[in-house]
Amino acid sequence: MSDDSDSNINPRRTVVLDGSNIIWGGSLGEEPDVHRLFSSISYYEELGYRVIPVVSRKQFQAIKWKEVAGYEQLQSLRTARILELAEDDDLLVINLALEHNAWMITQDTFVDRHNTKEKK
């Protein structure tokens, strides 16, 4: 006879990555480094997770215009429909995490820097 508490366990096997945050080095931002995102994807895949990376459209275009190293690889993720682009990447990260019962990986404070109020 199985324990009822065990039947309610639904282990999370998906990770949603805040790719914009990872590429720009966290909530305080640094120089963009696309390879940080690829390292994060590899890390979680090696642990057996399904990985959903998310990047804002604006930052995706900035990477292209600034000719940041790794753009071609990022574009290949997009072409393969692995990378999700969004106008509001924070909202998409949260929604995907809820939708897939996934872990959300971010260093974002979810505070609007212009208004210094928390995002809702």
PDB file of N, CA and C in Angstrom:
ATOM      1  N   MET A   1       0.851  -1.178   0.000  1.00  0.00           N
ATOM      2  CA  MET A   1       0.000   0.000   0.000  1.00  0.00           C
ATOM      3  C   MET A   1       0.895   1.238   0.000  1.00  0.00           C
ATOM      4  N   SER A   2       0.611   2.164  -0.894  1.00  0.00           N
ATOM      5  CA  SER A   2       1.454   3.359  -0.977  1.00  0.00           C
ATOM      6  C   SER A   2       0.959   4.445  -0.029  1.00  0.00           C
ATOM      7  N   ASP A   3       1.883   5.233   0.377  1.00  0.00           N
ATOM      8  CA  ASP A   3       1.585   6.361   1.259  1.00  0.00           C
ATOM      9  C   ASP A   3       0.940   7.471   0.431  1.00  0.00           C
ATOM     10  N   ASP A   4      -0.220   7.994   0.856  1.00  0.00           N
ATOM     11  CA  ASP A   4      -0.919   9.042   0.116  1.00  0.00           C
ATOM     12  C   ASP A   4      -0.076  10.293  -0.068  1.00  0.00           C
ATOM     13  N   SER A   5       0.785  10.589   0.894  1.00  0.00           N
ATOM     14  CA  SER A   5       1.605  11.801   0.764  1.00  0.00           C
ATOM     15  C   SER A   5       2.578  11.677  -0.399  1.00  0.00           C
ATOM     16  N   ASP A   6       3.035  10.457  -0.727  1.00  0.00           N
ATOM     17  CA  ASP A   6       3.941  10.251  -1.856  1.00  0.00           C
ATOM     18  C   ASP A   6       3.229  10.458  -3.186  1.00  0.00           C
ATOM     19  N   SER A   7       1.938  10.186  -3.255  1.00  0.00           N
ATOM     20  CA  SER A   7       1.209  10.321  -4.514  1.00  0.00           C
ATOM     21  C   SER A   7       0.999  11.783  -4.895  1.00  0.00           C
ATOM     22  N   ASN A   8       1.164  12.688  -3.945  1.00  0.00           N
ATOM     23  CA  ASN A   8       0.995  14.112  -4.227  1.00  0.00           C
ATOM     24  C   ASN A   8       2.294  14.797  -4.645  1.00  0.00           C
ATOM     25  N   ILE A   9       3.388  14.043  -4.631  1.00  0.00           N
ATOM     26  CA  ILE A   9       4.668  14.630  -4.999  1.00  0.00           C
ATOM     27  C   ILE A   9       4.752  14.727  -6.520  1.00  0.00           C
ATOM     28  N   ASN A  10       5.038  15.919  -6.997  1.00  0.00           N
ATOM     29  CA  ASN A  10       5.210  16.150  -8.425  1.00  0.00           C
ATOM     30  C   ASN A  10       6.570  16.826  -8.605  1.00  0.00           C
ATOM     31  N   PRO A  11       7.624  16.031  -8.774  1.00  0.00           N
ATOM     32  CA  PRO A  11       8.952  16.640  -8.835  1.00  0.00           C
ATOM     33  C   PRO A  11       9.094  17.566 -10.049  1.00  0.00           C
ATOM     34  N   ARG A  12       9.723  18.660  -9.806  1.00  0.00           N
ATOM     35  CA  ARG A  12       9.968  19.615 -10.888  1.00  0.00           C
ATOM     36  C   ARG A  12      11.132  19.113 -11.713  1.00  0.00           C
ATOM     37  N   ARG A  13      10.918  18.963 -13.006  1.00  0.00           N
ATOM     38  CA  ARG A  13      11.964  18.503 -13.918  1.00  0.00           C
ATOM     39  C   ARG A  13      12.212  19.517 -15.022  1.00  0.00           C
ATOM     40  N   THR A  14      11.703  20.726 -14.858  1.00  0.00           N
ATOM     41  CA  THR A  14      11.885  21.792 -15.843  1.00  0.00           C
ATOM     42  C   THR A  14      12.450  23.008 -15.140  1.00  0.00           C
ATOM     43  N   VAL A  15      13.322  23.711 -15.845  1.00  0.00           N
ATOM     44  CA  VAL A  15      13.922  24.943 -15.352  1.00  0.00           C
ATOM     45  C   VAL A  15      13.677  26.032 -16.389  1.00  0.00           C
ATOM     46  N   VAL A  16      13.179  27.173 -15.931  1.00  0.00           N
ATOM     47  CA  VAL A  16      13.018  28.339 -16.807  1.00  0.00           C
ATOM     48  C   VAL A  16      14.135  29.310 -16.441  1.00  0.00           C
ATOM     49  N   LEU A  17      14.944  29.641 -17.432  1.00  0.00           N
ATOM     50  CA  LEU A  17      16.077  30.537 -17.212  1.00  0.00           C
ATOM     51  C   LEU A  17      15.732  31.952 -17.650  1.00  0.00           C
ATOM     52  N   ASP A  18      15.997  32.908 -16.784  1.00  0.00           N
ATOM     53  CA  ASP A  18      15.887  34.320 -17.143  1.00  0.00           C
ATOM     54  C   ASP A  18      17.151  34.663 -17.922  1.00  0.00           C
ATOM     55  N   GLY A  19      17.113  34.356 -19.215  1.00  0.00           N
ATOM     56  CA  GLY A  19      18.288  34.495 -20.068  1.00  0.00           C
ATOM     57  C   GLY A  19      18.827  35.903 -20.154  1.00  0.00           C
ATOM     58  N   SER A  20      17.952  36.884 -20.195  1.00  0.00           N
ATOM     59  CA  SER A  20      18.403  38.281 -20.248  1.00  0.00           C
ATOM     60  C   SER A  20      19.222  38.603 -19.012  1.00  0.00           C
ATOM     61  N   ASN A  21      18.725  38.188 -17.880  1.00  0.00           N
ATOM     62  CA  ASN A  21      19.394  38.422 -16.602  1.00  0.00           C
ATOM     63  C   ASN A  21      20.738  37.701 -16.557  1.00  0.00           C
ATOM     64  N   ILE A  22      20.773  36.484 -17.032  1.00  0.00           N
ATOM     65  CA  ILE A  22      22.000  35.688 -17.030  1.00  0.00           C
ATOM     66  C   ILE A  22      23.032  36.298 -17.982  1.00  0.00           C
ATOM     67  N   ILE A  23      22.605  36.668 -19.182  1.00  0.00           N
ATOM     68  CA  ILE A  23      23.522  37.247 -20.173  1.00  0.00           C
ATOM     69  C   ILE A  23      24.129  38.544 -19.662  1.00  0.00           C
ATOM     70  N   TRP A  24      23.313  39.371 -19.005  1.00  0.00           N
ATOM     71  CA  TRP A  24      23.799  40.673 -18.537  1.00  0.00           C
ATOM     72  C   TRP A  24      24.353  40.624 -17.121  1.00  0.00           C
ATOM     73  N   GLY A  25      24.527  39.432 -16.560  1.00  0.00           N
ATOM     74  CA  GLY A  25      25.249  39.295 -15.302  1.00  0.00           C
ATOM     75  C   GLY A  25      24.478  39.588 -14.044  1.00  0.00           C
ATOM     76  N   GLY A  26      23.185  39.401 -14.041  1.00  0.00           N
ATOM     77  CA  GLY A  26      22.412  39.573 -12.818  1.00  0.00           C
ATOM     78  C   GLY A  26      21.644  40.868 -12.773  1.00  0.00           C
ATOM     79  N   SER A  27      21.068  41.146 -11.620  1.00  0.00           N
ATOM     80  CA  SER A  27      20.168  42.297 -11.475  1.00  0.00           C
ATOM     81  C   SER A  27      20.894  43.630 -11.597  1.00  0.00           C
ATOM     82  N   LEU A  28      22.185  43.665 -11.284  1.00  0.00           N
ATOM     83  CA  LEU A  28      22.926  44.924 -11.380  1.00  0.00           C
ATOM     84  C   LEU A  28      23.527  45.133 -12.764  1.00  0.00           C
ATOM     85  N   GLY A  29      23.601  44.078 -13.540  1.00  0.00           N
ATOM     86  CA  GLY A  29      24.082  44.172 -14.909  1.00  0.00           C
ATOM     87  C   GLY A  29      25.589  44.292 -15.005  1.00  0.00           C
ATOM     88  N   GLU A  30      26.123  43.700 -16.032  1.00  0.00           N
ATOM     89  CA  GLU A  30      27.531  43.754 -16.389  1.00  0.00           C
ATOM     90  C   GLU A  30      27.572  43.798 -17.900  1.00  0.00           C
ATOM     91  N   GLU A  31      28.763  43.631 -18.430  1.00  0.00           N
ATOM     92  CA  GLU A  31      28.874  43.508 -19.876  1.00  0.00           C
ATOM     93  C   GLU A  31      28.177  42.215 -20.307  1.00  0.00           C
ATOM     94  N   PRO A  32      27.465  42.245 -21.421  1.00  0.00           N
ATOM     95  CA  PRO A  32      26.767  41.029 -21.851  1.00  0.00           C
ATOM     96  C   PRO A  32      27.743  39.915 -22.217  1.00  0.00           C
ATOM     97  N   ASP A  33      27.382  38.693 -21.829  1.00  0.00           N
ATOM     98  CA  ASP A  33      28.177  37.510 -22.141  1.00  0.00           C
ATOM     99  C   ASP A  33      27.201  36.375 -22.433  1.00  0.00           C
ATOM    100  N   VAL A  34      26.981  36.105 -23.709  1.00  0.00           N
ATOM    101  CA  VAL A  34      26.035  35.075 -24.145  1.00  0.00           C
ATOM    102  C   VAL A  34      26.452  33.700 -23.645  1.00  0.00           C
ATOM    103  N   HIS A  35      27.744  33.492 -23.474  1.00  0.00           N
ATOM    104  CA  HIS A  35      28.230  32.182 -23.046  1.00  0.00           C
ATOM    105  C   HIS A  35      27.766  31.817 -21.641  1.00  0.00           C
ATOM    106  N   ARG A  36      27.435  32.818 -20.811  1.00  0.00           N
ATOM    107  CA  ARG A  36      26.866  32.517 -19.483  1.00  0.00           C
ATOM    108  C   ARG A  36      25.554  31.761 -19.631  1.00  0.00           C
ATOM    109  N   LEU A  37      24.755  32.164 -20.620  1.00  0.00           N
ATOM    110  CA  LEU A  37      23.476  31.484 -20.843  1.00  0.00           C
ATOM    111  C   LEU A  37      23.709  30.049 -21.296  1.00  0.00           C
ATOM    112  N   PHE A  38      24.634  29.848 -22.227  1.00  0.00           N
ATOM    113  CA  PHE A  38      24.908  28.496 -22.705  1.00  0.00           C
ATOM    114  C   PHE A  38      25.472  27.612 -21.593  1.00  0.00           C
ATOM    115  N   SER A  39      26.282  28.179 -20.716  1.00  0.00           N
ATOM    116  CA  SER A  39      26.797  27.425 -19.566  1.00  0.00           C
ATOM    117  C   SER A  39      25.654  27.025 -18.635  1.00  0.00           C
ATOM    118  N   SER A  40      24.710  27.930 -18.430  1.00  0.00           N
ATOM    119  CA  SER A  40      23.557  27.635 -17.572  1.00  0.00           C
ATOM    120  C   SER A  40      22.688  26.544 -18.170  1.00  0.00           C
ATOM    121  N   ILE A  41      22.447  26.631 -19.473  1.00  0.00           N
ATOM    122  CA  ILE A  41      21.646  25.604 -20.153  1.00  0.00           C
ATOM    123  C   ILE A  41      22.314  24.243 -19.993  1.00  0.00           C
ATOM    124  N   SER A  42      23.612  24.176 -20.273  1.00  0.00           N
ATOM    125  CA  SER A  42      24.352  22.910 -20.168  1.00  0.00           C
ATOM    126  C   SER A  42      24.313  22.358 -18.749  1.00  0.00           C
ATOM    127  N   TYR A  43      24.506  23.236 -17.784  1.00  0.00           N
ATOM    128  CA  TYR A  43      24.521  22.823 -16.383  1.00  0.00           C
ATOM    129  C   TYR A  43      23.212  22.122 -16.005  1.00  0.00           C
ATOM    130  N   TYR A  44      22.089  22.748 -16.308  1.00  0.00           N
ATOM    131  CA  TYR A  44      20.802  22.168 -15.913  1.00  0.00           C
ATOM    132  C   TYR A  44      20.424  20.955 -16.756  1.00  0.00           C
ATOM    133  N   GLU A  45      20.805  20.956 -18.021  1.00  0.00           N
ATOM    134  CA  GLU A  45      20.555  19.765 -18.839  1.00  0.00           C
ATOM    135  C   GLU A  45      21.349  18.569 -18.322  1.00  0.00           C
ATOM    136  N   GLU A  46      22.585  18.809 -17.902  1.00  0.00           N
ATOM    137  CA  GLU A  46      23.400  17.721 -17.350  1.00  0.00           C
ATOM    138  C   GLU A  46      22.804  17.167 -16.063  1.00  0.00           C
ATOM    139  N   LEU A  47      22.053  17.988 -15.346  1.00  0.00           N
ATOM    140  CA  LEU A  47      21.369  17.527 -14.143  1.00  0.00           C
ATOM    141  C   LEU A  47      20.050  16.820 -14.465  1.00  0.00           C
ATOM    142  N   GLY A  48      19.698  16.780 -15.755  1.00  0.00           N
ATOM    143  CA  GLY A  48      18.503  16.062 -16.180  1.00  0.00           C
ATOM    144  C   GLY A  48      17.252  16.904 -16.322  1.00  0.00           C
ATOM    145  N   TYR A  49      17.402  18.217 -16.283  1.00  0.00           N
ATOM    146  CA  TYR A  49      16.248  19.097 -16.408  1.00  0.00           C
ATOM    147  C   TYR A  49      15.963  19.447 -17.864  1.00  0.00           C
ATOM    148  N   ARG A  50      14.706  19.646 -18.173  1.00  0.00           N
ATOM    149  CA  ARG A  50      14.302  20.292 -19.419  1.00  0.00           C
ATOM    150  C   ARG A  50      14.511  21.777 -19.168  1.00  0.00           C
ATOM    151  N   VAL A  51      15.135  22.484 -20.103  1.00  0.00           N
ATOM    152  CA  VAL A  51      15.488  23.890 -19.900  1.00  0.00           C
ATOM    153  C   VAL A  51      14.748  24.764 -20.904  1.00  0.00           C
ATOM    154  N   ILE A  52      14.119  25.831 -20.389  1.00  0.00           N
ATOM    155  CA  ILE A  52      13.443  26.815 -21.240  1.00  0.00           C
ATOM    156  C   ILE A  52      14.113  28.169 -20.996  1.00  0.00           C
ATOM    157  N   PRO A  53      14.997  28.602 -21.913  1.00  0.00           N
ATOM    158  CA  PRO A  53      15.609  29.917 -21.755  1.00  0.00           C
ATOM    159  C   PRO A  53      14.709  31.005 -22.337  1.00  0.00           C
ATOM    160  N   VAL A  54      14.667  32.150 -21.662  1.00  0.00           N
ATOM    161  CA  VAL A  54      13.847  33.283 -22.092  1.00  0.00           C
ATOM    162  C   VAL A  54      14.731  34.530 -22.165  1.00  0.00           C
ATOM    163  N   VAL A  55      14.615  35.272 -23.266  1.00  0.00           N
ATOM    164  CA  VAL A  55      15.351  36.527 -23.449  1.00  0.00           C
ATOM    165  C   VAL A  55      14.372  37.569 -23.983  1.00  0.00           C
ATOM    166  N   SER A  56      14.543  38.802 -23.565  1.00  0.00           N
ATOM    167  CA  SER A  56      13.677  39.861 -24.088  1.00  0.00           C
ATOM    168  C   SER A  56      14.051  40.157 -25.541  1.00  0.00           C
ATOM    169  N   ARG A  57      13.041  40.499 -26.327  1.00  0.00           N
ATOM    170  CA  ARG A  57      13.289  40.853 -27.738  1.00  0.00           C
ATOM    171  C   ARG A  57      14.259  42.032 -27.841  1.00  0.00           C
ATOM    172  N   LYS A  58      14.077  43.002 -26.979  1.00  0.00           N
ATOM    173  CA  LYS A  58      14.923  44.193 -26.994  1.00  0.00           C
ATOM    174  C   LYS A  58      16.388  43.820 -26.757  1.00  0.00           C
ATOM    175  N   GLN A  59      16.630  42.960 -25.791  1.00  0.00           N
ATOM    176  CA  GLN A  59      18.005  42.572 -25.502  1.00  0.00           C
ATOM    177  C   GLN A  59      18.571  41.644 -26.568  1.00  0.00           C
ATOM    178  N   PHE A  60      17.729  40.808 -27.151  1.00  0.00           N
ATOM    179  CA  PHE A  60      18.158  39.953 -28.257  1.00  0.00           C
ATOM    180  C   PHE A  60      18.652  40.813 -29.415  1.00  0.00           C
ATOM    181  N   GLN A  61      17.890  41.867 -29.737  1.00  0.00           N
ATOM    182  CA  GLN A  61      18.297  42.776 -30.811  1.00  0.00           C
ATOM    183  C   GLN A  61      19.555  43.554 -30.436  1.00  0.00           C
ATOM    184  N   ALA A  62      19.694  43.941 -29.169  1.00  0.00           N
ATOM    185  CA  ALA A  62      20.890  44.661 -28.718  1.00  0.00           C
ATOM    186  C   ALA A  62      22.134  43.793 -28.876  1.00  0.00           C
ATOM    187  N   ILE A  63      21.998  42.507 -28.592  1.00  0.00           N
ATOM    188  CA  ILE A  63      23.117  41.576 -28.763  1.00  0.00           C
ATOM    189  C   ILE A  63      23.532  41.539 -30.230  1.00  0.00           C
ATOM    190  N   LYS A  64      22.540  41.531 -31.114  1.00  0.00           N
ATOM    191  CA  LYS A  64      22.822  41.516 -32.553  1.00  0.00           C
ATOM    192  C   LYS A  64      23.498  42.816 -32.975  1.00  0.00           C
ATOM    193  N   TRP A  65      22.923  43.953 -32.588  1.00  0.00           N
ATOM    194  CA  TRP A  65      23.455  45.252 -33.027  1.00  0.00           C
ATOM    195  C   TRP A  65      24.834  45.531 -32.466  1.00  0.00           C
ATOM    196  N   LYS A  66      25.076  45.106 -31.218  1.00  0.00           N
ATOM    197  CA  LYS A  66      26.378  45.336 -30.587  1.00  0.00           C
ATOM    198  C   LYS A  66      27.409  44.286 -30.998  1.00  0.00           C
ATOM    199  N   GLU A  67      26.963  43.340 -31.837  1.00  0.00           N
ATOM    200  CA  GLU A  67      27.824  42.264 -32.319  1.00  0.00           C
ATOM    201  C   GLU A  67      28.514  41.537 -31.168  1.00  0.00           C
ATOM    202  N   VAL A  68      27.722  41.205 -30.156  1.00  0.00           N
ATOM    203  CA  VAL A  68      28.222  40.480 -28.991  1.00  0.00           C
ATOM    204  C   VAL A  68      28.576  39.056 -29.420  1.00  0.00           C
ATOM    205  N   ALA A  69      29.736  38.582 -28.983  1.00  0.00           N
ATOM    206  CA  ALA A  69      30.158  37.216 -29.298  1.00  0.00           C
ATOM    207  C   ALA A  69      29.103  36.236 -28.803  1.00  0.00           C
ATOM    208  N   GLY A  70      28.765  35.274 -29.655  1.00  0.00           N
ATOM    209  CA  GLY A  70      27.785  34.266 -29.292  1.00  0.00           C
ATOM    210  C   GLY A  70      26.406  34.517 -29.889  1.00  0.00           C
ATOM    211  N   TYR A  71      26.255  35.640 -30.622  1.00  0.00           N
ATOM    212  CA  TYR A  71      24.943  35.932 -31.212  1.00  0.00           C
ATOM    213  C   TYR A  71      24.484  34.808 -32.140  1.00  0.00           C
ATOM    214  N   GLU A  72      25.395  34.277 -32.950  1.00  0.00           N
ATOM    215  CA  GLU A  72      25.019  33.241 -33.913  1.00  0.00           C
ATOM    216  C   GLU A  72      24.468  32.010 -33.199  1.00  0.00           C
ATOM    217  N   GLN A  73      25.107  31.639 -32.083  1.00  0.00           N
ATOM    218  CA  GLN A  73      24.630  30.486 -31.314  1.00  0.00           C
ATOM    219  C   GLN A  73      23.264  30.780 -30.692  1.00  0.00           C
ATOM    220  N   LEU A  74      23.089  32.006 -30.234  1.00  0.00           N
ATOM    221  CA  LEU A  74      21.806  32.407 -29.664  1.00  0.00           C
ATOM    222  C   LEU A  74      20.721  32.348 -30.740  1.00  0.00           C
ATOM    223  N   GLN A  75      21.055  32.820 -31.925  1.00  0.00           N
ATOM    224  CA  GLN A  75      20.120  32.773 -33.053  1.00  0.00           C
ATOM    225  C   GLN A  75      19.780  31.322 -33.393  1.00  0.00           C
ATOM    226  N   SER A  76      20.756  30.435 -33.296  1.00  0.00           N
ATOM    227  CA  SER A  76      20.478  29.022 -33.602  1.00  0.00           C
ATOM    228  C   SER A  76      19.499  28.426 -32.593  1.00  0.00           C
ATOM    229  N   LEU A  77      19.570  28.846 -31.320  1.00  0.00           N
ATOM    230  CA  LEU A  77      18.579  28.410 -30.330  1.00  0.00           C
ATOM    231  C   LEU A  77      17.197  28.911 -30.712  1.00  0.00           C
ATOM    232  N   ARG A  78      17.137  30.130 -31.192  1.00  0.00           N
ATOM    233  CA  ARG A  78      15.864  30.719 -31.602  1.00  0.00           C
ATOM    234  C   ARG A  78      15.294  29.967 -32.806  1.00  0.00           C
ATOM    235  N   THR A  79      16.143  29.688 -33.778  1.00  0.00           N
ATOM    236  CA  THR A  79      15.716  28.959 -34.977  1.00  0.00           C
ATOM    237  C   THR A  79      15.209  27.560 -34.618  1.00  0.00           C
ATOM    238  N   ALA A  80      15.848  26.932 -33.641  1.00  0.00           N
ATOM    239  CA  ALA A  80      15.451  25.593 -33.198  1.00  0.00           C
ATOM    240  C   ALA A  80      14.240  25.625 -32.262  1.00  0.00           C
ATOM    241  N   ARG A  81      13.701  26.810 -32.012  1.00  0.00           N
ATOM    242  CA  ARG A  81      12.534  27.000 -31.145  1.00  0.00           C
ATOM    243  C   ARG A  81      12.796  26.572 -29.704  1.00  0.00           C
ATOM    244  N   ILE A  82      14.032  26.723 -29.276  1.00  0.00           N
ATOM    245  CA  ILE A  82      14.405  26.433 -27.893  1.00  0.00           C
ATOM    246  C   ILE A  82      14.336  27.708 -27.072  1.00  0.00           C
ATOM    247  N   LEU A  83      14.799  28.798 -27.644  1.00  0.00           N
ATOM    248  CA  LEU A  83      14.830  30.099 -26.979  1.00  0.00           C
ATOM    249  C   LEU A  83      13.502  30.816 -27.153  1.00  0.00           C
ATOM    250  N   GLU A  84      12.937  31.282 -26.053  1.00  0.00           N
ATOM    251  CA  GLU A  84      11.705  32.070 -26.076  1.00  0.00           C
ATOM    252  C   GLU A  84      12.063  33.555 -26.029  1.00  0.00           C
ATOM    253  N   LEU A  85      11.474  34.349 -26.909  1.00  0.00           N
ATOM    254  CA  LEU A  85      11.642  35.800 -26.885  1.00  0.00           C
ATOM    255  C   LEU A  85      10.334  36.426 -26.424  1.00  0.00           C
ATOM    256  N   ALA A  86      10.443  37.553 -25.708  1.00  0.00           N
ATOM    257  CA  ALA A  86       9.233  38.189 -25.171  1.00  0.00           C
ATOM    258  C   ALA A  86       9.436  39.680 -25.043  1.00  0.00           C
ATOM    259  N   GLU A  87       8.340  40.415 -25.190  1.00  0.00           N
ATOM    260  CA  GLU A  87       8.372  41.855 -24.925  1.00  0.00           C
ATOM    261  C   GLU A  87       8.609  42.088 -23.436  1.00  0.00           C
ATOM    262  N   ASP A  88       7.933  41.309 -22.596  1.00  0.00           N
ATOM    263  CA  ASP A  88       8.107  41.385 -21.143  1.00  0.00           C
ATOM    264  C   ASP A  88       8.651  40.038 -20.682  1.00  0.00           C
ATOM    265  N   ASP A  89       9.977  39.919 -20.687  1.00  0.00           N
ATOM    266  CA  ASP A  89      10.600  38.638 -20.381  1.00  0.00           C
ATOM    267  C   ASP A  89      10.371  38.202 -18.935  1.00  0.00           C
ATOM    268  N   ASP A  90      10.314  39.149 -18.005  1.00  0.00           N
ATOM    269  CA  ASP A  90      10.064  38.780 -16.606  1.00  0.00           C
ATOM    270  C   ASP A  90       8.713  38.088 -16.463  1.00  0.00           C
ATOM    271  N   LEU A  91       7.708  38.648 -17.091  1.00  0.00           N
ATOM    272  CA  LEU A  91       6.370  38.069 -17.021  1.00  0.00           C
ATOM    273  C   LEU A  91       6.343  36.680 -17.661  1.00  0.00           C
ATOM    274  N   LEU A  92       7.020  36.523 -18.791  1.00  0.00           N
ATOM    275  CA  LEU A  92       7.041  35.220 -19.447  1.00  0.00           C
ATOM    276  C   LEU A  92       7.781  34.190 -18.593  1.00  0.00           C
ATOM    277  N   VAL A  93       8.891  34.571 -17.975  1.00  0.00           N
ATOM    278  CA  VAL A  93       9.623  33.650 -17.101  1.00  0.00           C
ATOM    279  C   VAL A  93       8.696  33.150 -15.992  1.00  0.00           C
ATOM    280  N   ILE A  94       7.998  34.055 -15.362  1.00  0.00           N
ATOM    281  CA  ILE A  94       7.086  33.685 -14.270  1.00  0.00           C
ATOM    282  C   ILE A  94       5.954  32.800 -14.783  1.00  0.00           C
ATOM    283  N   ASN A  95       5.340  33.186 -15.889  1.00  0.00           N
ATOM    284  CA  ASN A  95       4.223  32.407 -16.432  1.00  0.00           C
ATOM    285  C   ASN A  95       4.650  31.007 -16.869  1.00  0.00           C
ATOM    286  N   LEU A  96       5.817  30.896 -17.513  1.00  0.00           N
ATOM    287  CA  LEU A  96       6.293  29.575 -17.929  1.00  0.00           C
ATOM    288  C   LEU A  96       6.610  28.695 -16.716  1.00  0.00           C
ATOM    289  N   ALA A  97       7.183  29.295 -15.686  1.00  0.00           N
ATOM    290  CA  ALA A  97       7.482  28.535 -14.471  1.00  0.00           C
ATOM    291  C   ALA A  97       6.195  27.994 -13.850  1.00  0.00           C
ATOM    292  N   LEU A  98       5.156  28.819 -13.811  1.00  0.00           N
ATOM    293  CA  LEU A  98       3.871  28.368 -13.281  1.00  0.00           C
ATOM    294  C   LEU A  98       3.242  27.300 -14.176  1.00  0.00           C
ATOM    295  N   GLU A  99       3.265  27.546 -15.476  1.00  0.00           N
ATOM    296  CA  GLU A  99       2.643  26.637 -16.437  1.00  0.00           C
ATOM    297  C   GLU A  99       3.278  25.245 -16.415  1.00  0.00           C
ATOM    298  N   HIS A 100       4.598  25.188 -16.252  1.00  0.00           N
ATOM    299  CA  HIS A 100       5.317  23.913 -16.310  1.00  0.00           C
ATOM    300  C   HIS A 100       5.718  23.383 -14.939  1.00  0.00           C
ATOM    301  N   ASN A 101       5.201  24.018 -13.867  1.00  0.00           N
ATOM    302  CA  ASN A 101       5.599  23.649 -12.509  1.00  0.00           C
ATOM    303  C   ASN A 101       7.126  23.561 -12.438  1.00  0.00           C
ATOM    304  N   ALA A 102       7.768  24.617 -12.917  1.00  0.00           N
ATOM    305  CA  ALA A 102       9.218  24.625 -13.103  1.00  0.00           C
ATOM    306  C   ALA A 102       9.924  25.505 -12.088  1.00  0.00           C
ATOM    307  N   TRP A 103      11.212  25.238 -11.945  1.00  0.00           N
ATOM    308  CA  TRP A 103      12.073  26.128 -11.184  1.00  0.00           C
ATOM    309  C   TRP A 103      12.328  27.370 -12.038  1.00  0.00           C
ATOM    310  N   MET A 104      12.417  28.505 -11.419  1.00  0.00           N
ATOM    311  CA  MET A 104      12.701  29.762 -12.110  1.00  0.00           C
ATOM    312  C   MET A 104      14.090  30.207 -11.660  1.00  0.00           C
ATOM    313  N   ILE A 105      15.015  30.327 -12.602  1.00  0.00           N
ATOM    314  CA  ILE A 105      16.390  30.711 -12.289  1.00  0.00           C
ATOM    315  C   ILE A 105      16.613  32.149 -12.742  1.00  0.00           C
ATOM    316  N   THR A 106      16.833  33.025 -11.762  1.00  0.00           N
ATOM    317  CA  THR A 106      17.033  34.442 -12.043  1.00  0.00           C
ATOM    318  C   THR A 106      17.735  35.091 -10.858  1.00  0.00           C
ATOM    319  N   GLN A 107      18.359  36.203 -11.114  1.00  0.00           N
ATOM    320  CA  GLN A 107      18.869  37.049 -10.035  1.00  0.00           C
ATOM    321  C   GLN A 107      18.089  38.359 -10.026  1.00  0.00           C
ATOM    322  N   ASP A 108      17.026  38.395 -10.793  1.00  0.00           N
ATOM    323  CA  ASP A 108      16.226  39.601 -10.921  1.00  0.00           C
ATOM    324  C   ASP A 108      15.550  39.917  -9.596  1.00  0.00           C
ATOM    325  N   THR A 109      15.530  41.184  -9.259  1.00  0.00           N
ATOM    326  CA  THR A 109      14.832  41.624  -8.049  1.00  0.00           C
ATOM    327  C   THR A 109      13.373  41.937  -8.336  1.00  0.00           C
ATOM    328  N   PHE A 110      12.995  41.967  -9.631  1.00  0.00           N
ATOM    329  CA  PHE A 110      11.652  42.303 -10.075  1.00  0.00           C
ATOM    330  C   PHE A 110      11.226  43.680  -9.571  1.00  0.00           C
ATOM    331  N   VAL A 111      12.196  44.575  -9.473  1.00  0.00           N
ATOM    332  CA  VAL A 111      11.942  45.964  -9.112  1.00  0.00           C
ATOM    333  C   VAL A 111      12.156  46.805 -10.366  1.00  0.00           C
ATOM    334  N   ASP A 112      11.225  47.673 -10.649  1.00  0.00           N
ATOM    335  CA  ASP A 112      11.336  48.578 -11.792  1.00  0.00           C
ATOM    336  C   ASP A 112      12.372  49.636 -11.449  1.00  0.00           C
ATOM    337  N   ARG A 113      13.481  49.659 -12.174  1.00  0.00           N
ATOM    338  CA  ARG A 113      14.578  50.589 -11.878  1.00  0.00           C
ATOM    339  C   ARG A 113      14.194  52.051 -12.054  1.00  0.00           C
ATOM    340  N   HIS A 114      13.238  52.315 -12.924  1.00  0.00           N
ATOM    341  CA  HIS A 114      12.850  53.704 -13.187  1.00  0.00           C
ATOM    342  C   HIS A 114      11.942  54.253 -12.098  1.00  0.00           C
ATOM    343  N   ASN A 115      11.098  53.407 -11.570  1.00  0.00           N
ATOM    344  CA  ASN A 115      10.137  53.852 -10.560  1.00  0.00           C
ATOM    345  C   ASN A 115      10.498  53.381  -9.154  1.00  0.00           C
ATOM    346  N   THR A 116      11.493  52.518  -9.054  1.00  0.00           N
ATOM    347  CA  THR A 116      11.900  51.880  -7.795  1.00  0.00           C
ATOM    348  C   THR A 116      10.729  51.251  -7.047  1.00  0.00           C
ATOM    349  N   LYS A 117       9.753  50.756  -7.791  1.00  0.00           N
ATOM    350  CA  LYS A 117       8.626  50.020  -7.215  1.00  0.00           C
ATOM    351  C   LYS A 117       8.696  48.600  -7.738  1.00  0.00           C
ATOM    352  N   GLU A 118       8.222  47.668  -6.950  1.00  0.00           N
ATOM    353  CA  GLU A 118       8.214  46.300  -7.379  1.00  0.00           C
ATOM    354  C   GLU A 118       7.269  46.133  -8.551  1.00  0.00           C
ATOM    355  N   LYS A 119       7.660  45.262  -9.490  1.00  0.00           N
ATOM    356  CA  LYS A 119       6.792  44.938 -10.615  1.00  0.00           C
ATOM    357  C   LYS A 119       5.664  44.061 -10.127  1.00  0.00           C
ATOM    358  N   LYS A 120       4.511  44.213 -10.748  1.00  0.00           N
ATOM    359  CA  LYS A 120       3.350  43.382 -10.393  1.00  0.00           C
ATOM    360  C   LYS A 120       2.987  42.489 -11.526  1.00  0.00           C
TER     361      LYS A 120
END
